[in-house]
């Protein structure tokens, strides 16, 4: 993730030199992008284009260190608990989460609903924070550490709303095959929500999957150049909020996003001319 102030770039498996590290990263990415129930060995061979014996050998190595686990009944592979522990450690130390925690805890209290903080990682989103409101009815089902195709959450829609349309188009073109593998994905509903979000300037999430019981809203956290570096979002029961409440929710999300931007980037902004 770039914040517009560094020349560094995201490193992908294809950027790494050939060898065990490259193959291990390739397999971990394939498992992370696979179904929640895990991946079969044949799936990983097909997705990575690596020889079957190589895939199995690297998987055995990853299982030895606890980064991959295999269900004894289904024989499917999934990310292991030790890797999850490393991920949660990284999330808890993420500078954005530390900066945003107070603001988003207050937002969850105000909205009486769960609020999420997410960042983009290539063609994925990663949830780096979950903040619960006081309501006993918590609609949100996500969790810190959750990862999925970028675009499938209210926070992602908030980020889309502030991106260059060409960049949005490229992301969707590359991600659509993964979207279509999601049970109940409604492409027409997704494109309508996307158009509504980009027109509004904030995330409007609804009718994206066939379960119409939940909707959501999101807002982008942008760097000083105006490019989204993260997003915040919330979900609620469809029809729960009237038009006035929806506007209040959107305003609260955008106000919180602006507050986090100031906390993160105020020191980087040029001093006003005297």
C-alpha atoms as a PDB file:
ATOM      1  CA  UNK A   1       0.000   0.000   0.000  1.00  0.00           C
ATOM      2  CA  UNK A   2       1.464   3.343  -1.001  1.00  0.00           C
ATOM      3  CA  UNK A   3       0.646   6.586   0.762  1.00  0.00           C
ATOM      4  CA  UNK A   4       2.080   8.767  -1.942  1.00  0.00           C
ATOM      5  CA  UNK A   5       5.201   9.618   0.074  1.00  0.00           C
ATOM      6  CA  UNK A   6       7.429   6.647  -0.656  1.00  0.00           C
ATOM      7  CA  UNK A   7       9.057   5.157  -3.709  1.00  0.00           C
ATOM      8  CA  UNK A   8       8.504   1.613  -2.393  1.00  0.00           C
ATOM      9  CA  UNK A   9       6.025  -0.706  -4.018  1.00  0.00           C
ATOM     10  CA  UNK A  10       4.099  -3.812  -3.062  1.00  0.00           C
ATOM     11  CA  UNK A  11       6.121  -6.965  -3.668  1.00  0.00           C
ATOM     12  CA  UNK A  12       4.271  -9.934  -5.161  1.00  0.00           C
ATOM     13  CA  UNK A  13       5.344 -13.551  -5.421  1.00  0.00           C
ATOM     14  CA  UNK A  14       6.230 -13.058  -9.082  1.00  0.00           C
ATOM     15  CA  UNK A  15       8.770 -10.400  -8.044  1.00  0.00           C
ATOM     16  CA  UNK A  16      10.726 -12.802  -5.834  1.00  0.00           C
ATOM     17  CA  UNK A  17      13.633 -14.868  -7.103  1.00  0.00           C
ATOM     18  CA  UNK A  18      12.920 -18.451  -8.076  1.00  0.00           C
ATOM     19  CA  UNK A  19      13.197 -20.914  -5.228  1.00  0.00           C
ATOM     20  CA  UNK A  20      11.447 -22.211  -2.162  1.00  0.00           C
ATOM     21  CA  UNK A  21      10.526 -18.752  -0.843  1.00  0.00           C
ATOM     22  CA  UNK A  22       8.840 -17.836  -4.122  1.00  0.00           C
ATOM     23  CA  UNK A  23       6.901 -21.107  -4.205  1.00  0.00           C
ATOM     24  CA  UNK A  24       5.900 -20.804  -0.546  1.00  0.00           C
ATOM     25  CA  UNK A  25       4.572 -17.259  -1.030  1.00  0.00           C
ATOM     26  CA  UNK A  26       2.730 -18.334  -4.196  1.00  0.00           C
ATOM     27  CA  UNK A  27       1.009 -21.172  -2.330  1.00  0.00           C
ATOM     28  CA  UNK A  28       0.138 -19.028   0.696  1.00  0.00           C
ATOM     29  CA  UNK A  29      -1.436 -16.417  -1.596  1.00  0.00           C
ATOM     30  CA  UNK A  30      -3.388 -19.129  -3.447  1.00  0.00           C
ATOM     31  CA  UNK A  31      -4.743 -20.551  -0.176  1.00  0.00           C
ATOM     32  CA  UNK A  32      -5.611 -17.058   1.126  1.00  0.00           C
ATOM     33  CA  UNK A  33      -7.584 -16.347  -2.040  1.00  0.00           C
ATOM     34  CA  UNK A  34      -9.305 -19.736  -2.040  1.00  0.00           C
ATOM     35  CA  UNK A  35     -12.614 -20.782  -0.472  1.00  0.00           C
ATOM     36  CA  UNK A  36     -13.104 -20.560   3.289  1.00  0.00           C
ATOM     37  CA  UNK A  37     -13.357 -24.338   3.567  1.00  0.00           C
ATOM     38  CA  UNK A  38      -9.825 -24.628   2.223  1.00  0.00           C
ATOM     39  CA  UNK A  39      -8.181 -25.754  -1.016  1.00  0.00           C
ATOM     40  CA  UNK A  40      -7.691 -29.228  -2.400  1.00  0.00           C
ATOM     41  CA  UNK A  41      -4.238 -30.207  -3.586  1.00  0.00           C
ATOM     42  CA  UNK A  42      -5.453 -30.334  -7.201  1.00  0.00           C
ATOM     43  CA  UNK A  43      -6.815 -26.774  -6.870  1.00  0.00           C
ATOM     44  CA  UNK A  44      -3.445 -25.467  -5.721  1.00  0.00           C
ATOM     45  CA  UNK A  45      -1.638 -27.244  -8.547  1.00  0.00           C
ATOM     46  CA  UNK A  46      -4.025 -25.673 -11.068  1.00  0.00           C
ATOM     47  CA  UNK A  47      -3.888 -22.182  -9.527  1.00  0.00           C
ATOM     48  CA  UNK A  48      -0.107 -21.998  -9.162  1.00  0.00           C
ATOM     49  CA  UNK A  49       0.950 -23.990 -12.270  1.00  0.00           C
ATOM     50  CA  UNK A  50       3.575 -25.662 -10.100  1.00  0.00           C
ATOM     51  CA  UNK A  51       4.305 -29.409 -10.401  1.00  0.00           C
ATOM     52  CA  UNK A  52       2.218 -31.527  -8.033  1.00  0.00           C
ATOM     53  CA  UNK A  53       5.249 -33.013  -6.189  1.00  0.00           C
ATOM     54  CA  UNK A  54       6.656 -29.492  -5.681  1.00  0.00           C
ATOM     55  CA  UNK A  55       3.340 -28.208  -4.315  1.00  0.00           C
ATOM     56  CA  UNK A  56       3.083 -31.092  -1.882  1.00  0.00           C
ATOM     57  CA  UNK A  57       6.706 -30.739  -0.751  1.00  0.00           C
ATOM     58  CA  UNK A  58       6.346 -27.001  -0.067  1.00  0.00           C
ATOM     59  CA  UNK A  59       3.020 -27.546   1.689  1.00  0.00           C
ATOM     60  CA  UNK A  60       4.661 -30.105   3.980  1.00  0.00           C
ATOM     61  CA  UNK A  61       7.337 -27.546   4.827  1.00  0.00           C
ATOM     62  CA  UNK A  62       4.689 -24.895   5.562  1.00  0.00           C
ATOM     63  CA  UNK A  63       2.726 -27.340   7.723  1.00  0.00           C
ATOM     64  CA  UNK A  64       5.879 -28.110   9.716  1.00  0.00           C
ATOM     65  CA  UNK A  65       6.189 -24.460  10.778  1.00  0.00           C
ATOM     66  CA  UNK A  66       2.440 -24.097  11.373  1.00  0.00           C
ATOM     67  CA  UNK A  67       1.754 -21.719   8.484  1.00  0.00           C
ATOM     68  CA  UNK A  68      -0.544 -24.194   6.706  1.00  0.00           C
ATOM     69  CA  UNK A  69      -2.911 -26.772   8.179  1.00  0.00           C
ATOM     70  CA  UNK A  70      -4.763 -29.687   6.585  1.00  0.00           C
ATOM     71  CA  UNK A  71      -8.204 -30.845   7.630  1.00  0.00           C
ATOM     72  CA  UNK A  72      -7.948 -34.572   8.488  1.00  0.00           C
ATOM     73  CA  UNK A  73     -11.427 -35.278   7.117  1.00  0.00           C
ATOM     74  CA  UNK A  74     -11.738 -33.140   3.976  1.00  0.00           C
ATOM     75  CA  UNK A  75      -7.966 -33.171   3.243  1.00  0.00           C
ATOM     76  CA  UNK A  76      -8.203 -29.507   2.289  1.00  0.00           C
ATOM     77  CA  UNK A  77      -5.420 -27.041   3.026  1.00  0.00           C
ATOM     78  CA  UNK A  78      -5.917 -23.767   4.853  1.00  0.00           C
ATOM     79  CA  UNK A  79      -3.765 -21.106   6.479  1.00  0.00           C
ATOM     80  CA  UNK A  80      -2.409 -22.258   9.816  1.00  0.00           C
ATOM     81  CA  UNK A  81      -2.825 -20.889  13.318  1.00  0.00           C
ATOM     82  CA  UNK A  82       0.828 -19.869  13.638  1.00  0.00           C
ATOM     83  CA  UNK A  83       0.580 -17.747  10.501  1.00  0.00           C
ATOM     84  CA  UNK A  84      -2.639 -16.224  11.842  1.00  0.00           C
ATOM     85  CA  UNK A  85      -0.842 -15.350  15.073  1.00  0.00           C
ATOM     86  CA  UNK A  86       1.833 -13.516  13.100  1.00  0.00           C
ATOM     87  CA  UNK A  87      -0.883 -11.708  11.141  1.00  0.00           C
ATOM     88  CA  UNK A  88      -2.749 -10.619  14.263  1.00  0.00           C
ATOM     89  CA  UNK A  89       0.512  -9.389  15.760  1.00  0.00           C
ATOM     90  CA  UNK A  90       1.099  -7.284  12.644  1.00  0.00           C
ATOM     91  CA  UNK A  91      -2.473  -5.954  12.740  1.00  0.00           C
ATOM     92  CA  UNK A  92      -2.249  -4.954  16.399  1.00  0.00           C
ATOM     93  CA  UNK A  93       0.919  -2.987  15.598  1.00  0.00           C
ATOM     94  CA  UNK A  94      -0.360  -1.450  12.372  1.00  0.00           C
ATOM     95  CA  UNK A  95       0.192   2.322  12.651  1.00  0.00           C
ATOM     96  CA  UNK A  96      -3.150   3.073  10.991  1.00  0.00           C
ATOM     97  CA  UNK A  97      -5.070   0.941  13.491  1.00  0.00           C
ATOM     98  CA  UNK A  98      -3.307   2.610  16.422  1.00  0.00           C
ATOM     99  CA  UNK A  99      -4.099   6.054  15.011  1.00  0.00           C
ATOM    100  CA  UNK A 100      -7.733   5.240  14.185  1.00  0.00           C
ATOM    101  CA  UNK A 101      -8.738   3.179  17.236  1.00  0.00           C
ATOM    102  CA  UNK A 102     -10.055   6.004  19.414  1.00  0.00           C
ATOM    103  CA  UNK A 103     -11.951   7.691  16.587  1.00  0.00           C
ATOM    104  CA  UNK A 104     -13.533   4.449  15.354  1.00  0.00           C
ATOM    105  CA  UNK A 105     -14.467   3.246  18.834  1.00  0.00           C
ATOM    106  CA  UNK A 106     -16.332   6.532  19.293  1.00  0.00           C
ATOM    107  CA  UNK A 107     -17.947   6.123  15.864  1.00  0.00           C
ATOM    108  CA  UNK A 108     -19.167   2.619  16.735  1.00  0.00           C
ATOM    109  CA  UNK A 109     -20.651   4.030  19.938  1.00  0.00           C
ATOM    110  CA  UNK A 110     -22.396   6.801  17.989  1.00  0.00           C
ATOM    111  CA  UNK A 111     -23.786   4.488  15.306  1.00  0.00           C
ATOM    112  CA  UNK A 112     -24.608   1.685  17.770  1.00  0.00           C
ATOM    113  CA  UNK A 113     -23.166  -0.714  15.240  1.00  0.00           C
ATOM    114  CA  UNK A 114     -19.944  -2.493  14.304  1.00  0.00           C
ATOM    115  CA  UNK A 115     -17.379  -0.403  12.432  1.00  0.00           C
ATOM    116  CA  UNK A 116     -14.523  -1.883  10.391  1.00  0.00           C
ATOM    117  CA  UNK A 117     -11.164  -0.519   9.273  1.00  0.00           C
ATOM    118  CA  UNK A 118      -9.642  -2.070   6.138  1.00  0.00           C
ATOM    119  CA  UNK A 119      -6.611  -1.580   3.917  1.00  0.00           C
ATOM    120  CA  UNK A 120      -5.952  -2.703   0.374  1.00  0.00           C
ATOM    121  CA  UNK A 121      -3.353  -5.383  -0.342  1.00  0.00           C
ATOM    122  CA  UNK A 122      -3.076  -5.800  -4.106  1.00  0.00           C
ATOM    123  CA  UNK A 123      -6.408  -7.209  -5.259  1.00  0.00           C
ATOM    124  CA  UNK A 124      -7.439  -8.060  -1.689  1.00  0.00           C
ATOM    125  CA  UNK A 125      -8.762  -6.130   1.276  1.00  0.00           C
ATOM    126  CA  UNK A 126      -7.499  -6.886   4.783  1.00  0.00           C
ATOM    127  CA  UNK A 127      -9.533  -5.887   7.836  1.00  0.00           C
ATOM    128  CA  UNK A 128      -7.148  -4.406  10.407  1.00  0.00           C
ATOM    129  CA  UNK A 129      -9.707  -3.327  12.985  1.00  0.00           C
ATOM    130  CA  UNK A 130     -13.202  -4.146  14.293  1.00  0.00           C
ATOM    131  CA  UNK A 131     -14.943  -1.816  16.749  1.00  0.00           C
ATOM    132  CA  UNK A 132     -18.235  -2.825  18.353  1.00  0.00           C
ATOM    133  CA  UNK A 133     -21.089  -0.505  19.282  1.00  0.00           C
ATOM    134  CA  UNK A 134     -23.394  -0.803  22.311  1.00  0.00           C
ATOM    135  CA  UNK A 135     -26.338  -2.374  20.462  1.00  0.00           C
ATOM    136  CA  UNK A 136     -27.170  -5.976  21.326  1.00  0.00           C
ATOM    137  CA  UNK A 137     -27.981  -6.521  17.633  1.00  0.00           C
ATOM    138  CA  UNK A 138     -24.601  -6.612  15.903  1.00  0.00           C
ATOM    139  CA  UNK A 139     -25.136  -6.998  12.154  1.00  0.00           C
ATOM    140  CA  UNK A 140     -21.449  -7.118  11.175  1.00  0.00           C
ATOM    141  CA  UNK A 141     -19.921 -10.584  10.824  1.00  0.00           C
ATOM    142  CA  UNK A 142     -16.373  -9.629   9.848  1.00  0.00           C
ATOM    143  CA  UNK A 143     -13.299  -9.833  12.029  1.00  0.00           C
ATOM    144  CA  UNK A 144      -9.838  -8.310  12.323  1.00  0.00           C
ATOM    145  CA  UNK A 145      -7.594 -10.290  10.008  1.00  0.00           C
ATOM    146  CA  UNK A 146     -10.363 -11.096   7.542  1.00  0.00           C
ATOM    147  CA  UNK A 147      -9.151 -11.035   3.938  1.00  0.00           C
ATOM    148  CA  UNK A 148     -11.049 -11.237   0.656  1.00  0.00           C
ATOM    149  CA  UNK A 149     -11.413  -9.824  -2.853  1.00  0.00           C
ATOM    150  CA  UNK A 150     -11.139  -6.042  -2.850  1.00  0.00           C
ATOM    151  CA  UNK A 151     -14.599  -4.564  -3.461  1.00  0.00           C
ATOM    152  CA  UNK A 152     -16.676  -6.920  -1.336  1.00  0.00           C
ATOM    153  CA  UNK A 153     -17.178  -4.662   1.710  1.00  0.00           C
ATOM    154  CA  UNK A 154     -18.638  -1.210   2.447  1.00  0.00           C
ATOM    155  CA  UNK A 155     -15.120   0.042   3.275  1.00  0.00           C
ATOM    156  CA  UNK A 156     -13.921  -1.092  -0.166  1.00  0.00           C
ATOM    157  CA  UNK A 157     -16.812   0.730  -1.797  1.00  0.00           C
ATOM    158  CA  UNK A 158     -15.783   3.831   0.128  1.00  0.00           C
ATOM    159  CA  UNK A 159     -12.277   3.521  -1.316  1.00  0.00           C
ATOM    160  CA  UNK A 160     -13.597   2.891  -4.836  1.00  0.00           C
ATOM    161  CA  UNK A 161     -15.632   6.097  -4.541  1.00  0.00           C
ATOM    162  CA  UNK A 162     -12.430   8.148  -4.218  1.00  0.00           C
ATOM    163  CA  UNK A 163     -10.279   6.325  -6.778  1.00  0.00           C
ATOM    164  CA  UNK A 164      -9.534   7.220 -10.371  1.00  0.00           C
ATOM    165  CA  UNK A 165     -12.228   5.546 -12.537  1.00  0.00           C
ATOM    166  CA  UNK A 166      -9.567   3.860 -14.686  1.00  0.00           C
ATOM    167  CA  UNK A 167      -7.995   2.286 -11.603  1.00  0.00           C
ATOM    168  CA  UNK A 168     -11.405   1.089 -10.419  1.00  0.00           C
ATOM    169  CA  UNK A 169     -12.122  -0.401 -13.839  1.00  0.00           C
ATOM    170  CA  UNK A 170      -8.806  -2.288 -13.848  1.00  0.00           C
ATOM    171  CA  UNK A 171      -9.340  -3.694 -10.342  1.00  0.00           C
ATOM    172  CA  UNK A 172     -12.841  -4.913 -11.184  1.00  0.00           C
ATOM    173  CA  UNK A 173     -11.753  -6.478 -14.463  1.00  0.00           C
ATOM    174  CA  UNK A 174      -9.046  -8.481 -12.691  1.00  0.00           C
ATOM    175  CA  UNK A 175     -11.231  -9.340  -9.675  1.00  0.00           C
ATOM    176  CA  UNK A 176     -14.499 -10.273 -11.404  1.00  0.00           C
ATOM    177  CA  UNK A 177     -13.625 -14.005 -11.722  1.00  0.00           C
ATOM    178  CA  UNK A 178     -13.127 -14.117  -7.944  1.00  0.00           C
ATOM    179  CA  UNK A 179     -16.327 -12.136  -7.311  1.00  0.00           C
ATOM    180  CA  UNK A 180     -18.271 -14.649  -9.383  1.00  0.00           C
ATOM    181  CA  UNK A 181     -17.029 -17.523  -7.236  1.00  0.00           C
ATOM    182  CA  UNK A 182     -18.746 -15.995  -4.181  1.00  0.00           C
ATOM    183  CA  UNK A 183     -22.046 -17.721  -3.401  1.00  0.00           C
ATOM    184  CA  UNK A 184     -24.962 -15.476  -4.365  1.00  0.00           C
ATOM    185  CA  UNK A 185     -22.855 -12.752  -5.984  1.00  0.00           C
ATOM    186  CA  UNK A 186     -25.090 -10.417  -8.013  1.00  0.00           C
ATOM    187  CA  UNK A 187     -23.029  -8.662 -10.679  1.00  0.00           C
ATOM    188  CA  UNK A 188     -25.840  -6.299 -11.661  1.00  0.00           C
ATOM    189  CA  UNK A 189     -26.375  -5.277  -8.037  1.00  0.00           C
ATOM    190  CA  UNK A 190     -22.635  -4.864  -7.530  1.00  0.00           C
ATOM    191  CA  UNK A 191     -22.275  -2.550 -10.512  1.00  0.00           C
ATOM    192  CA  UNK A 192     -25.253  -0.475  -9.352  1.00  0.00           C
ATOM    193  CA  UNK A 193     -23.769  -0.094  -5.865  1.00  0.00           C
ATOM    194  CA  UNK A 194     -20.434   0.847  -7.423  1.00  0.00           C
ATOM    195  CA  UNK A 195     -22.036   3.491  -9.668  1.00  0.00           C
ATOM    196  CA  UNK A 196     -24.029   4.885  -6.722  1.00  0.00           C
ATOM    197  CA  UNK A 197     -20.867   5.031  -4.586  1.00  0.00           C
ATOM    198  CA  UNK A 198     -18.769   6.816  -7.187  1.00  0.00           C
ATOM    199  CA  UNK A 199     -21.574   9.290  -7.779  1.00  0.00           C
ATOM    200  CA  UNK A 200     -22.024   9.966  -4.033  1.00  0.00           C
ATOM    201  CA  UNK A 201     -18.327  10.115  -3.123  1.00  0.00           C
ATOM    202  CA  UNK A 202     -18.757   7.537  -0.332  1.00  0.00           C
ATOM    203  CA  UNK A 203     -19.524   3.835  -0.172  1.00  0.00           C
ATOM    204  CA  UNK A 204     -23.088   2.630  -0.722  1.00  0.00           C
ATOM    205  CA  UNK A 205     -23.215  -1.130  -0.270  1.00  0.00           C
ATOM    206  CA  UNK A 206     -26.325  -3.159  -1.116  1.00  0.00           C
ATOM    207  CA  UNK A 207     -27.728  -5.830  -3.442  1.00  0.00           C
ATOM    208  CA  UNK A 208     -24.253  -7.261  -4.022  1.00  0.00           C
ATOM    209  CA  UNK A 209     -25.096 -10.761  -2.847  1.00  0.00           C
ATOM    210  CA  UNK A 210     -28.466 -12.447  -3.069  1.00  0.00           C
ATOM    211  CA  UNK A 211     -28.958 -12.167   0.700  1.00  0.00           C
ATOM    212  CA  UNK A 212     -30.734  -8.802   0.752  1.00  0.00           C
ATOM    213  CA  UNK A 213     -30.958  -8.649   4.542  1.00  0.00           C
ATOM    214  CA  UNK A 214     -27.946  -6.362   5.069  1.00  0.00           C
ATOM    215  CA  UNK A 215     -26.689  -3.110   3.592  1.00  0.00           C
ATOM    216  CA  UNK A 216     -23.785  -0.848   4.441  1.00  0.00           C
ATOM    217  CA  UNK A 217     -21.923   2.402   3.973  1.00  0.00           C
ATOM    218  CA  UNK A 218     -18.236   3.263   3.798  1.00  0.00           C
ATOM    219  CA  UNK A 219     -15.793   6.152   3.595  1.00  0.00           C
ATOM    220  CA  UNK A 220     -12.209   6.399   2.382  1.00  0.00           C
ATOM    221  CA  UNK A 221      -9.229   7.550   4.396  1.00  0.00           C
ATOM    222  CA  UNK A 222      -7.065   9.459   1.919  1.00  0.00           C
ATOM    223  CA  UNK A 223      -3.482  10.681   1.909  1.00  0.00           C
ATOM    224  CA  UNK A 224      -2.723  14.374   1.265  1.00  0.00           C
ATOM    225  CA  UNK A 225      -2.805  13.748  -2.509  1.00  0.00           C
ATOM    226  CA  UNK A 226      -6.406  12.524  -2.204  1.00  0.00           C
ATOM    227  CA  UNK A 227      -5.653   8.847  -2.899  1.00  0.00           C
ATOM    228  CA  UNK A 228      -7.381   6.290  -0.617  1.00  0.00           C
ATOM    229  CA  UNK A 229      -5.022   4.403   1.677  1.00  0.00           C
ATOM    230  CA  UNK A 230      -7.731   2.729   3.772  1.00  0.00           C
ATOM    231  CA  UNK A 231     -11.469   2.621   4.316  1.00  0.00           C
ATOM    232  CA  UNK A 232     -13.959   2.448   7.156  1.00  0.00           C
ATOM    233  CA  UNK A 233     -17.379   0.865   6.897  1.00  0.00           C
ATOM    234  CA  UNK A 234     -20.424  -0.326   8.767  1.00  0.00           C
ATOM    235  CA  UNK A 235     -23.344  -2.630   8.039  1.00  0.00           C
ATOM    236  CA  UNK A 236     -26.972  -2.579   9.127  1.00  0.00           C
ATOM    237  CA  UNK A 237     -30.234  -4.384   8.450  1.00  0.00           C
ATOM    238  CA  UNK A 238     -31.641  -3.356   5.064  1.00  0.00           C
ATOM    239  CA  UNK A 239     -34.431  -0.822   5.503  1.00  0.00           C
ATOM    240  CA  UNK A 240     -33.460  -0.171   9.101  1.00  0.00           C
ATOM    241  CA  UNK A 241     -32.451   3.444   8.414  1.00  0.00           C
ATOM    242  CA  UNK A 242     -34.615   6.073   6.742  1.00  0.00           C
ATOM    243  CA  UNK A 243     -33.182   8.629   4.292  1.00  0.00           C
ATOM    244  CA  UNK A 244     -32.319  11.146   7.009  1.00  0.00           C
ATOM    245  CA  UNK A 245     -30.549   8.480   9.089  1.00  0.00           C
ATOM    246  CA  UNK A 246     -28.628   7.255   6.032  1.00  0.00           C
ATOM    247  CA  UNK A 247     -27.353  10.799   5.444  1.00  0.00           C
ATOM    248  CA  UNK A 248     -26.382  11.108   9.099  1.00  0.00           C
ATOM    249  CA  UNK A 249     -24.532   7.781   8.909  1.00  0.00           C
ATOM    250  CA  UNK A 250     -22.636   8.859   5.785  1.00  0.00           C
ATOM    251  CA  UNK A 251     -21.733  12.174   7.408  1.00  0.00           C
ATOM    252  CA  UNK A 252     -20.497  10.438  10.561  1.00  0.00           C
ATOM    253  CA  UNK A 253     -18.312   8.050   8.537  1.00  0.00           C
ATOM    254  CA  UNK A 254     -16.783  10.843   6.478  1.00  0.00           C
ATOM    255  CA  UNK A 255     -16.188  12.994   9.562  1.00  0.00           C
ATOM    256  CA  UNK A 256     -14.379  10.089  11.228  1.00  0.00           C
ATOM    257  CA  UNK A 257     -12.316   9.480   8.079  1.00  0.00           C
ATOM    258  CA  UNK A 258     -11.299  13.155   7.976  1.00  0.00           C
ATOM    259  CA  UNK A 259     -10.317  13.055  11.644  1.00  0.00           C
ATOM    260  CA  UNK A 260      -8.078  10.017  11.019  1.00  0.00           C
ATOM    261  CA  UNK A 261      -6.516  11.713   7.977  1.00  0.00           C
ATOM    262  CA  UNK A 262      -5.608  14.712  10.115  1.00  0.00           C
ATOM    263  CA  UNK A 263      -4.116  12.487  12.799  1.00  0.00           C
ATOM    264  CA  UNK A 264      -2.054  10.519  10.293  1.00  0.00           C
ATOM    265  CA  UNK A 265      -0.929  13.164   7.865  1.00  0.00           C
ATOM    266  CA  UNK A 266      -1.105  16.561   9.573  1.00  0.00           C
ATOM    267  CA  UNK A 267       2.606  16.464  10.346  1.00  0.00           C
ATOM    268  CA  UNK A 268       3.344  15.752   6.678  1.00  0.00           C
ATOM    269  CA  UNK A 269       1.351  18.658   5.310  1.00  0.00           C
ATOM    270  CA  UNK A 270       3.300  21.804   4.354  1.00  0.00           C
ATOM    271  CA  UNK A 271       3.172  24.636   6.880  1.00  0.00           C
ATOM    272  CA  UNK A 272       0.848  27.480   5.851  1.00  0.00           C
ATOM    273  CA  UNK A 273       2.552  30.452   4.244  1.00  0.00           C
ATOM    274  CA  UNK A 274       2.848  33.499   6.443  1.00  0.00           C
END
